[in-house]
Amino acid sequence: MSNTNTNNTLVIFAYIVGAIAMGLFIYFLVIPYSIEFVNVYFEEGIGLKSAAVISFFVSIATVVLFAVVGGDGLIGEVQYMFAAFFTYFFIIWLLVAWIF
């Protein structure tokens, strides 16, 4: 085994040890933040009552946006807008309560 092979092996070994040391250092720095992440994002959510209020305003904004953009035939399609409002309200209500 020549001297250059030994030097190359030592350099590769030093890189591997450095990478492992850096990985452990980063790992121990990340653990407190990951515990905080779990505590914040897995605590009890906002509940169905608060989600219903948020869903109401989001649904109103969505239906008004669709009515303004649709423009043509607004009066003739009001029954569909009511159905769309209640559909949006119900879906967004459950999704907000589930996600938050």
Protein backbone atom coordinates (compact mmCIF):
# COMPACT_ATOMS: atom_id res chain seq x y z
CA MET A 1 0.00 0.00 0.00
CA SER A 2 1.50 3.29 -1.04
CA ASN A 3 1.67 6.50 0.90
CA THR A 4 -0.91 8.30 -1.29
CA ASN A 5 -3.47 5.54 -0.76
CA THR A 6 -2.99 5.84 3.00
CA ASN A 7 -3.40 9.64 2.82
CA ASN A 8 -6.53 9.31 0.68
CA THR A 9 -7.98 6.77 3.10
CA LEU A 10 -7.28 9.06 6.05
CA VAL A 11 -8.87 12.01 4.24
CA ILE A 12 -11.99 9.98 3.41
CA PHE A 13 -12.15 8.74 7.00
CA ALA A 14 -11.85 12.32 8.28
CA TYR A 15 -14.70 13.40 5.99
CA ILE A 16 -16.89 10.54 7.21
CA VAL A 17 -16.18 11.32 10.88
CA GLY A 18 -16.81 15.03 10.24
CA ALA A 19 -20.09 14.29 8.48
CA ILE A 20 -21.25 12.06 11.33
CA ALA A 21 -20.24 14.67 13.92
CA MET A 22 -22.04 17.41 11.97
CA GLY A 23 -25.13 15.20 11.66
CA LEU A 24 -25.20 14.54 15.41
CA PHE A 25 -24.68 18.24 16.14
CA ILE A 26 -27.58 19.22 13.87
CA TYR A 27 -29.72 16.42 15.29
CA PHE A 28 -29.28 17.65 18.85
CA LEU A 29 -30.02 21.21 17.78
CA VAL A 30 -33.24 20.17 16.02
CA ILE A 31 -34.72 18.02 18.81
CA PRO A 32 -35.96 20.95 20.97
CA TYR A 33 -37.57 22.64 17.97
CA SER A 34 -39.26 19.45 16.83
CA ILE A 35 -40.69 18.92 20.32
CA GLU A 36 -42.02 22.49 20.27
CA PHE A 37 -43.52 21.85 16.82
CA VAL A 38 -45.36 18.80 18.13
CA ASN A 39 -46.63 20.69 21.18
CA VAL A 40 -47.93 23.61 19.14
CA TYR A 41 -49.47 21.82 16.19
CA PHE A 42 -50.98 18.82 17.95
CA GLU A 43 -52.79 20.63 20.73
CA GLU A 44 -56.55 21.00 20.77
CA GLY A 45 -57.92 22.89 17.78
CA ILE A 46 -60.37 25.77 17.47
CA GLY A 47 -63.52 23.64 17.64
CA LEU A 48 -66.69 23.48 15.59
CA LYS A 49 -68.17 26.79 16.81
CA SER A 50 -65.21 28.90 15.77
CA ALA A 51 -64.85 26.95 12.55
CA ALA A 52 -68.51 27.68 11.72
CA VAL A 53 -67.92 31.43 12.02
CA ILE A 54 -64.84 31.29 9.82
CA SER A 55 -66.63 29.06 7.32
CA PHE A 56 -69.61 31.42 7.12
CA PHE A 57 -67.50 34.40 6.08
CA VAL A 58 -65.34 32.38 3.69
CA SER A 59 -68.47 30.93 2.07
CA ILE A 60 -70.10 34.37 1.72
CA ALA A 61 -66.92 35.74 0.13
CA THR A 62 -66.72 32.80 -2.27
CA VAL A 63 -70.36 33.03 -3.37
CA VAL A 64 -70.13 36.82 -3.82
CA LEU A 65 -66.95 36.39 -5.85
CA PHE A 66 -68.63 33.80 -8.06
CA ALA A 67 -71.70 36.04 -8.48
CA VAL A 68 -69.60 39.03 -9.51
CA VAL A 69 -67.44 37.02 -11.89
CA GLY A 70 -70.41 35.10 -13.31
CA GLY A 71 -72.35 38.30 -13.98
CA ASP A 72 -74.86 36.98 -16.51
CA GLY A 73 -78.11 35.43 -15.25
CA LEU A 74 -77.65 36.34 -11.59
CA ILE A 75 -81.37 36.42 -10.74
CA GLY A 76 -82.20 33.18 -12.55
CA GLU A 77 -79.48 31.24 -10.79
CA VAL A 78 -80.07 32.33 -7.22
CA GLN A 79 -81.30 28.87 -6.16
CA TYR A 80 -77.99 27.41 -7.31
CA MET A 81 -76.12 30.08 -5.39
CA PHE A 82 -78.00 29.15 -2.20
CA ALA A 83 -77.16 25.50 -2.74
CA ALA A 84 -73.53 26.42 -3.42
CA PHE A 85 -73.42 28.56 -0.27
CA PHE A 86 -74.63 25.74 1.97
CA THR A 87 -72.33 23.24 0.27
CA TYR A 88 -69.32 25.54 0.68
CA PHE A 89 -70.31 26.31 4.24
CA PHE A 90 -70.59 22.67 5.25
CA ILE A 91 -67.38 21.52 3.54
CA ILE A 92 -65.26 24.47 4.68
CA TRP A 93 -66.70 24.21 8.20
CA LEU A 94 -65.59 20.61 8.58
CA LEU A 95 -62.23 21.18 6.88
CA VAL A 96 -61.37 24.17 9.09
CA ALA A 97 -62.37 22.26 12.21
CA TRP A 98 -60.32 19.26 11.07
CA ILE A 99 -57.18 21.15 10.01
CA PHE A 100 -57.02 23.74 12.79
